[in-house]
């Protein structure tokens, strides 16, 4: 059962892909441990947005009882 509307799905895929790509580029550039951990977190968030946007289902929304999908 989908709980994400079309506009939110597209936005998630675009922003998630951009965030994951940016994080990948930053990871290749290297840096101190704190920066590296932040970049990994950004990459994971980007991947999560792409996956939830593509599937149209967000487990967090399910737990919170939210839905942006049309009824």
PDB file of N, CA and C in Angstrom:
ATOM      1  N   UNK A   1       0.843  -1.178   0.000  1.00  0.00           N
ATOM      2  CA  UNK A   1       0.000   0.000   0.000  1.00  0.00           C
ATOM      3  C   UNK A   1       0.887   1.241   0.000  1.00  0.00           C
ATOM      4  N   UNK A   2       0.702   2.101  -0.950  1.00  0.00           N
ATOM      5  CA  UNK A   2       1.510   3.314  -1.070  1.00  0.00           C
ATOM      6  C   UNK A   2       0.966   4.394  -0.147  1.00  0.00           C
ATOM      7  N   UNK A   3       1.904   5.144   0.446  1.00  0.00           N
ATOM      8  CA  UNK A   3       1.485   6.243   1.309  1.00  0.00           C
ATOM      9  C   UNK A   3       2.211   7.545   0.952  1.00  0.00           C
ATOM     10  N   UNK A   4       2.783   7.611  -0.261  1.00  0.00           N
ATOM     11  CA  UNK A   4       3.431   8.818  -0.747  1.00  0.00           C
ATOM     12  C   UNK A   4       2.767   9.250  -2.049  1.00  0.00           C
ATOM     13  N   UNK A   5       2.441  10.527  -2.138  1.00  0.00           N
ATOM     14  CA  UNK A   5       1.858  11.059  -3.362  1.00  0.00           C
ATOM     15  C   UNK A   5       2.903  11.193  -4.467  1.00  0.00           C
ATOM     16  N   UNK A   6       2.446  11.378  -5.687  1.00  0.00           N
ATOM     17  CA  UNK A   6       3.331  11.438  -6.848  1.00  0.00           C
ATOM     18  C   UNK A   6       4.353  12.566  -6.737  1.00  0.00           C
ATOM     19  N   UNK A   7       3.926  13.750  -6.370  1.00  0.00           N
ATOM     20  CA  UNK A   7       4.847  14.891  -6.264  1.00  0.00           C
ATOM     21  C   UNK A   7       5.936  14.613  -5.236  1.00  0.00           C
ATOM     22  N   UNK A   8       5.557  14.061  -4.087  1.00  0.00           N
ATOM     23  CA  UNK A   8       6.549  13.769  -3.053  1.00  0.00           C
ATOM     24  C   UNK A   8       7.492  12.667  -3.510  1.00  0.00           C
ATOM     25  N   UNK A   9       6.984  11.687  -4.231  1.00  0.00           N
ATOM     26  CA  UNK A   9       7.832  10.602  -4.728  1.00  0.00           C
ATOM     27  C   UNK A   9       8.896  11.147  -5.673  1.00  0.00           C
ATOM     28  N   UNK A  10       8.478  11.997  -6.610  1.00  0.00           N
ATOM     29  CA  UNK A  10       9.429  12.570  -7.572  1.00  0.00           C
ATOM     30  C   UNK A  10      10.462  13.416  -6.840  1.00  0.00           C
ATOM     31  N   UNK A  11      10.021  14.249  -5.909  1.00  0.00           N
ATOM     32  CA  UNK A  11      10.930  15.100  -5.145  1.00  0.00           C
ATOM     33  C   UNK A  11      11.925  14.269  -4.348  1.00  0.00           C
ATOM     34  N   UNK A  12      11.459  13.204  -3.716  1.00  0.00           N
ATOM     35  CA  UNK A  12      12.350  12.336  -2.947  1.00  0.00           C
ATOM     36  C   UNK A  12      13.418  11.699  -3.828  1.00  0.00           C
ATOM     37  N   UNK A  13      13.015  11.201  -4.994  1.00  0.00           N
ATOM     38  CA  UNK A  13      13.977  10.552  -5.885  1.00  0.00           C
ATOM     39  C   UNK A  13      15.018  11.569  -6.358  1.00  0.00           C
ATOM     40  N   UNK A  14      14.570  12.759  -6.754  1.00  0.00           N
ATOM     41  CA  UNK A  14      15.506  13.776  -7.238  1.00  0.00           C
ATOM     42  C   UNK A  14      16.448  14.262  -6.139  1.00  0.00           C
ATOM     43  N   UNK A  15      15.899  14.633  -4.996  1.00  0.00           N
ATOM     44  CA  UNK A  15      16.734  15.120  -3.901  1.00  0.00           C
ATOM     45  C   UNK A  15      17.608  14.016  -3.318  1.00  0.00           C
ATOM     46  N   UNK A  16      17.059  12.828  -3.210  1.00  0.00           N
ATOM     47  CA  UNK A  16      17.840  11.707  -2.689  1.00  0.00           C
ATOM     48  C   UNK A  16      18.989  11.341  -3.602  1.00  0.00           C
ATOM     49  N   UNK A  17      18.730  11.328  -4.893  1.00  0.00           N
ATOM     50  CA  UNK A  17      19.792  11.036  -5.853  1.00  0.00           C
ATOM     51  C   UNK A  17      20.876  12.099  -5.817  1.00  0.00           C
ATOM     52  N   UNK A  18      20.461  13.364  -5.752  1.00  0.00           N
ATOM     53  CA  UNK A  18      21.436  14.457  -5.679  1.00  0.00           C
ATOM     54  C   UNK A  18      22.248  14.370  -4.389  1.00  0.00           C
ATOM     55  N   UNK A  19      21.577  14.084  -3.273  1.00  0.00           N
ATOM     56  CA  UNK A  19      22.282  13.971  -1.994  1.00  0.00           C
ATOM     57  C   UNK A  19      23.251  12.809  -1.975  1.00  0.00           C
ATOM     58  N   UNK A  20      22.842  11.671  -2.516  1.00  0.00           N
ATOM     59  CA  UNK A  20      23.720  10.505  -2.560  1.00  0.00           C
ATOM     60  C   UNK A  20      24.911  10.760  -3.484  1.00  0.00           C
ATOM     61  N   UNK A  21      24.671  11.416  -4.614  1.00  0.00           N
ATOM     62  CA  UNK A  21      25.767  11.731  -5.544  1.00  0.00           C
ATOM     63  C   UNK A  21      26.753  12.708  -4.902  1.00  0.00           C
ATOM     64  N   UNK A  22      26.226  13.724  -4.235  1.00  0.00           N
ATOM     65  CA  UNK A  22      27.075  14.700  -3.567  1.00  0.00           C
ATOM     66  C   UNK A  22      27.906  14.020  -2.478  1.00  0.00           C
ATOM     67  N   UNK A  23      27.260  13.163  -1.685  1.00  0.00           N
ATOM     68  CA  UNK A  23      27.967  12.460  -0.619  1.00  0.00           C
ATOM     69  C   UNK A  23      29.055  11.558  -1.200  1.00  0.00           C
ATOM     70  N   UNK A  24      28.765  10.890  -2.310  1.00  0.00           N
ATOM     71  CA  UNK A  24      29.766  10.034  -2.950  1.00  0.00           C
ATOM     72  C   UNK A  24      30.970  10.856  -3.383  1.00  0.00           C
ATOM     73  N   UNK A  25      30.716  12.022  -3.969  1.00  0.00           N
ATOM     74  CA  UNK A  25      31.807  12.888  -4.395  1.00  0.00           C
ATOM     75  C   UNK A  25      32.633  13.348  -3.190  1.00  0.00           C
ATOM     76  N   UNK A  26      31.954  13.720  -2.100  1.00  0.00           N
ATOM     77  CA  UNK A  26      32.658  14.166  -0.896  1.00  0.00           C
ATOM     78  C   UNK A  26      33.442  13.033  -0.258  1.00  0.00           C
ATOM     79  N   UNK A  27      32.900  11.814  -0.291  1.00  0.00           N
ATOM     80  CA  UNK A  27      33.618  10.669   0.266  1.00  0.00           C
ATOM     81  C   UNK A  27      34.915  10.424  -0.492  1.00  0.00           C
ATOM     82  N   UNK A  28      34.891  10.587  -1.794  1.00  0.00           N
ATOM     83  CA  UNK A  28      36.094  10.395  -2.597  1.00  0.00           C
ATOM     84  C   UNK A  28      37.133  11.476  -2.308  1.00  0.00           C
ATOM     85  N   UNK A  29      36.679  12.662  -1.920  1.00  0.00           N
ATOM     86  CA  UNK A  29      37.592  13.761  -1.633  1.00  0.00           C
ATOM     87  C   UNK A  29      38.313  13.561  -0.295  1.00  0.00           C
ATOM     88  N   UNK A  30      37.790  12.697   0.562  1.00  0.00           N
ATOM     89  CA  UNK A  30      38.424  12.429   1.853  1.00  0.00           C
ATOM     90  C   UNK A  30      38.116  13.519   2.865  1.00  0.00           C
ATOM     91  N   UNK A  31      38.729  13.437   4.031  1.00  0.00           N
ATOM     92  CA  UNK A  31      38.508  14.443   5.060  1.00  0.00           C
ATOM     93  C   UNK A  31      38.685  13.832   6.431  1.00  0.00           C
ATOM     94  N   UNK A  32      38.445  14.622   7.437  1.00  0.00           N
ATOM     95  CA  UNK A  32      38.587  14.141   8.806  1.00  0.00           C
ATOM     96  C   UNK A  32      37.444  13.195   9.143  1.00  0.00           C
ATOM     97  N   UNK A  33      37.584  12.460  10.204  1.00  0.00           N
ATOM     98  CA  UNK A  33      36.620  11.430  10.590  1.00  0.00           C
ATOM     99  C   UNK A  33      35.208  11.988  10.757  1.00  0.00           C
ATOM    100  N   UNK A  34      35.068  13.131  11.387  1.00  0.00           N
ATOM    101  CA  UNK A  34      33.737  13.719  11.588  1.00  0.00           C
ATOM    102  C   UNK A  34      33.075  14.015  10.260  1.00  0.00           C
ATOM    103  N   UNK A  35      33.819  14.606   9.331  1.00  0.00           N
ATOM    104  CA  UNK A  35      33.268  14.894   8.012  1.00  0.00           C
ATOM    105  C   UNK A  35      32.888  13.608   7.303  1.00  0.00           C
ATOM    106  N   UNK A  36      33.731  12.599   7.421  1.00  0.00           N
ATOM    107  CA  UNK A  36      33.453  11.322   6.780  1.00  0.00           C
ATOM    108  C   UNK A  36      32.145  10.724   7.295  1.00  0.00           C
ATOM    109  N   UNK A  37      31.937  10.765   8.588  1.00  0.00           N
ATOM    110  CA  UNK A  37      30.698  10.230   9.164  1.00  0.00           C
ATOM    111  C   UNK A  37      29.479  11.027   8.694  1.00  0.00           C
ATOM    112  N   UNK A  38      29.611  12.340   8.597  1.00  0.00           N
ATOM    113  CA  UNK A  38      28.507  13.160   8.100  1.00  0.00           C
ATOM    114  C   UNK A  38      28.214  12.845   6.635  1.00  0.00           C
ATOM    115  N   UNK A  39      29.237  12.618   5.846  1.00  0.00           N
ATOM    116  CA  UNK A  39      29.041  12.301   4.438  1.00  0.00           C
ATOM    117  C   UNK A  39      28.366  10.941   4.280  1.00  0.00           C
ATOM    118  N   UNK A  40      28.748   9.989   5.122  1.00  0.00           N
ATOM    119  CA  UNK A  40      28.110   8.665   5.074  1.00  0.00           C
ATOM    120  C   UNK A  40      26.633   8.781   5.445  1.00  0.00           C
ATOM    121  N   UNK A  41      26.342   9.592   6.454  1.00  0.00           N
ATOM    122  CA  UNK A  41      24.944   9.805   6.851  1.00  0.00           C
ATOM    123  C   UNK A  41      24.160  10.458   5.718  1.00  0.00           C
ATOM    124  N   UNK A  42      24.756  11.427   5.038  1.00  0.00           N
ATOM    125  CA  UNK A  42      24.098  12.086   3.908  1.00  0.00           C
ATOM    126  C   UNK A  42      23.842  11.092   2.781  1.00  0.00           C
ATOM    127  N   UNK A  43      24.814  10.242   2.526  1.00  0.00           N
ATOM    128  CA  UNK A  43      24.658   9.226   1.486  1.00  0.00           C
ATOM    129  C   UNK A  43      23.505   8.272   1.834  1.00  0.00           C
ATOM    130  N   UNK A  44      23.453   7.823   3.090  1.00  0.00           N
ATOM    131  CA  UNK A  44      22.398   6.907   3.522  1.00  0.00           C
ATOM    132  C   UNK A  44      21.026   7.568   3.416  1.00  0.00           C
ATOM    133  N   UNK A  45      20.940   8.832   3.794  1.00  0.00           N
ATOM    134  CA  UNK A  45      19.671   9.556   3.681  1.00  0.00           C
ATOM    135  C   UNK A  45      19.256   9.694   2.219  1.00  0.00           C
ATOM    136  N   UNK A  46      20.220   9.979   1.361  1.00  0.00           N
ATOM    137  CA  UNK A  46      19.929  10.082  -0.063  1.00  0.00           C
ATOM    138  C   UNK A  46      19.403   8.783  -0.637  1.00  0.00           C
ATOM    139  N   UNK A  47      20.045   7.681  -0.273  1.00  0.00           N
ATOM    140  CA  UNK A  47      19.597   6.374  -0.752  1.00  0.00           C
ATOM    141  C   UNK A  47      18.201   6.067  -0.219  1.00  0.00           C
ATOM    142  N   UNK A  48      17.954   6.399   1.054  1.00  0.00           N
ATOM    143  CA  UNK A  48      16.632   6.168   1.632  1.00  0.00           C
ATOM    144  C   UNK A  48      15.567   6.947   0.868  1.00  0.00           C
ATOM    145  N   UNK A  49      15.843   8.188   0.538  1.00  0.00           N
ATOM    146  CA  UNK A  49      14.870   8.996  -0.204  1.00  0.00           C
ATOM    147  C   UNK A  49      14.605   8.400  -1.582  1.00  0.00           C
ATOM    148  N   UNK A  50      15.653   7.941  -2.256  1.00  0.00           N
ATOM    149  CA  UNK A  50      15.467   7.349  -3.582  1.00  0.00           C
ATOM    150  C   UNK A  50      14.608   6.088  -3.476  1.00  0.00           C
ATOM    151  N   UNK A  51      14.908   5.226  -2.525  1.00  0.00           N
ATOM    152  CA  UNK A  51      14.176   3.963  -2.382  1.00  0.00           C
ATOM    153  C   UNK A  51      12.719   4.210  -1.994  1.00  0.00           C
ATOM    154  N   UNK A  52      12.487   5.059  -0.992  1.00  0.00           N
ATOM    155  CA  UNK A  52      11.104   5.308  -0.577  1.00  0.00           C
ATOM    156  C   UNK A  52      10.329   6.043  -1.663  1.00  0.00           C
ATOM    157  N   UNK A  53      10.993   6.940  -2.381  1.00  0.00           N
ATOM    158  CA  UNK A  53      10.328   7.637  -3.479  1.00  0.00           C
ATOM    159  C   UNK A  53       9.975   6.707  -4.617  1.00  0.00           C
ATOM    160  N   UNK A  54      10.884   5.809  -4.963  1.00  0.00           N
ATOM    161  CA  UNK A  54      10.640   4.867  -6.057  1.00  0.00           C
ATOM    162  C   UNK A  54       9.552   3.859  -5.694  1.00  0.00           C
ATOM    163  N   UNK A  55       9.555   3.410  -4.441  1.00  0.00           N
ATOM    164  CA  UNK A  55       8.553   2.429  -4.008  1.00  0.00           C
ATOM    165  C   UNK A  55       7.205   3.071  -3.711  1.00  0.00           C
ATOM    166  N   UNK A  56       7.216   4.343  -3.324  1.00  0.00           N
ATOM    167  CA  UNK A  56       5.969   5.013  -2.963  1.00  0.00           C
ATOM    168  C   UNK A  56       5.497   4.658  -1.568  1.00  0.00           C
ATOM    169  N   UNK A  57       6.392   4.126  -0.764  1.00  0.00           N
ATOM    170  CA  UNK A  57       6.033   3.698   0.589  1.00  0.00           C
ATOM    171  C   UNK A  57       7.119   4.133   1.555  1.00  0.00           C
ATOM    172  N   UNK A  58       6.712   4.773   2.647  1.00  0.00           N
ATOM    173  CA  UNK A  58       7.646   5.220   3.675  1.00  0.00           C
ATOM    174  C   UNK A  58       7.254   4.574   5.004  1.00  0.00           C
ATOM    175  N   UNK A  59       8.097   3.701   5.557  1.00  0.00           N
ATOM    176  CA  UNK A  59       7.778   3.059   6.839  1.00  0.00           C
ATOM    177  C   UNK A  59       7.567   4.062   7.974  1.00  0.00           C
ATOM    178  N   UNK A  60       8.315   5.166   7.973  1.00  0.00           N
ATOM    179  CA  UNK A  60       8.136   6.172   9.019  1.00  0.00           C
ATOM    180  C   UNK A  60       6.744   6.794   8.934  1.00  0.00           C
ATOM    181  N   UNK A  61       6.301   7.113   7.718  1.00  0.00           N
ATOM    182  CA  UNK A  61       4.951   7.647   7.550  1.00  0.00           C
ATOM    183  C   UNK A  61       3.917   6.650   8.064  1.00  0.00           C
ATOM    184  N   UNK A  62       4.126   5.379   7.807  1.00  0.00           N
ATOM    185  CA  UNK A  62       3.203   4.330   8.271  1.00  0.00           C
ATOM    186  C   UNK A  62       3.102   4.373   9.791  1.00  0.00           C
ATOM    187  N   UNK A  63       4.250   4.439  10.465  1.00  0.00           N
ATOM    188  CA  UNK A  63       4.250   4.463  11.935  1.00  0.00           C
ATOM    189  C   UNK A  63       3.585   5.717  12.495  1.00  0.00           C
ATOM    190  N   UNK A  64       3.760   6.836  11.787  1.00  0.00           N
ATOM    191  CA  UNK A  64       3.172   8.092  12.253  1.00  0.00           C
ATOM    192  C   UNK A  64       1.717   8.269  11.817  1.00  0.00           C
ATOM    193  N   UNK A  65       1.237   7.391  10.937  1.00  0.00           N
ATOM    194  CA  UNK A  65      -0.129   7.483  10.470  1.00  0.00           C
ATOM    195  C   UNK A  65      -0.320   8.564   9.423  1.00  0.00           C
ATOM    196  N   UNK A  66       0.762   8.962   8.753  1.00  0.00           N
ATOM    197  CA  UNK A  66       0.706  10.008   7.725  1.00  0.00           C
ATOM    198  C   UNK A  66       0.575   9.388   6.349  1.00  0.00           C
ATOM    199  N   UNK A  67       0.040  10.151   5.418  1.00  0.00           N
ATOM    200  CA  UNK A  67      -0.025   9.735   4.026  1.00  0.00           C
ATOM    201  C   UNK A  67      -0.200  10.958   3.146  1.00  0.00           C
ATOM    202  N   UNK A  68       0.577  11.029   2.074  1.00  0.00           N
ATOM    203  CA  UNK A  68       0.399  12.096   1.094  1.00  0.00           C
ATOM    204  C   UNK A  68      -0.165  11.521  -0.202  1.00  0.00           C
ATOM    205  N   UNK A  69      -0.453  10.222  -0.191  1.00  0.00           N
ATOM    206  CA  UNK A  69      -1.025   9.577  -1.360  1.00  0.00           C
ATOM    207  C   UNK A  69      -2.518   9.891  -1.468  1.00  0.00           C
ATOM    208  N   UNK A  70      -3.015   9.993  -2.695  1.00  0.00           N
ATOM    209  CA  UNK A  70      -4.451  10.227  -2.839  1.00  0.00           C
ATOM    210  C   UNK A  70      -5.262   9.050  -2.288  1.00  0.00           C
ATOM    211  N   UNK A  71      -6.403   9.344  -1.735  1.00  0.00           N
ATOM    212  CA  UNK A  71      -7.225   8.309  -1.098  1.00  0.00           C
ATOM    213  C   UNK A  71      -7.770   7.336  -2.051  1.00  0.00           C
TER     214      UNK A  71
END
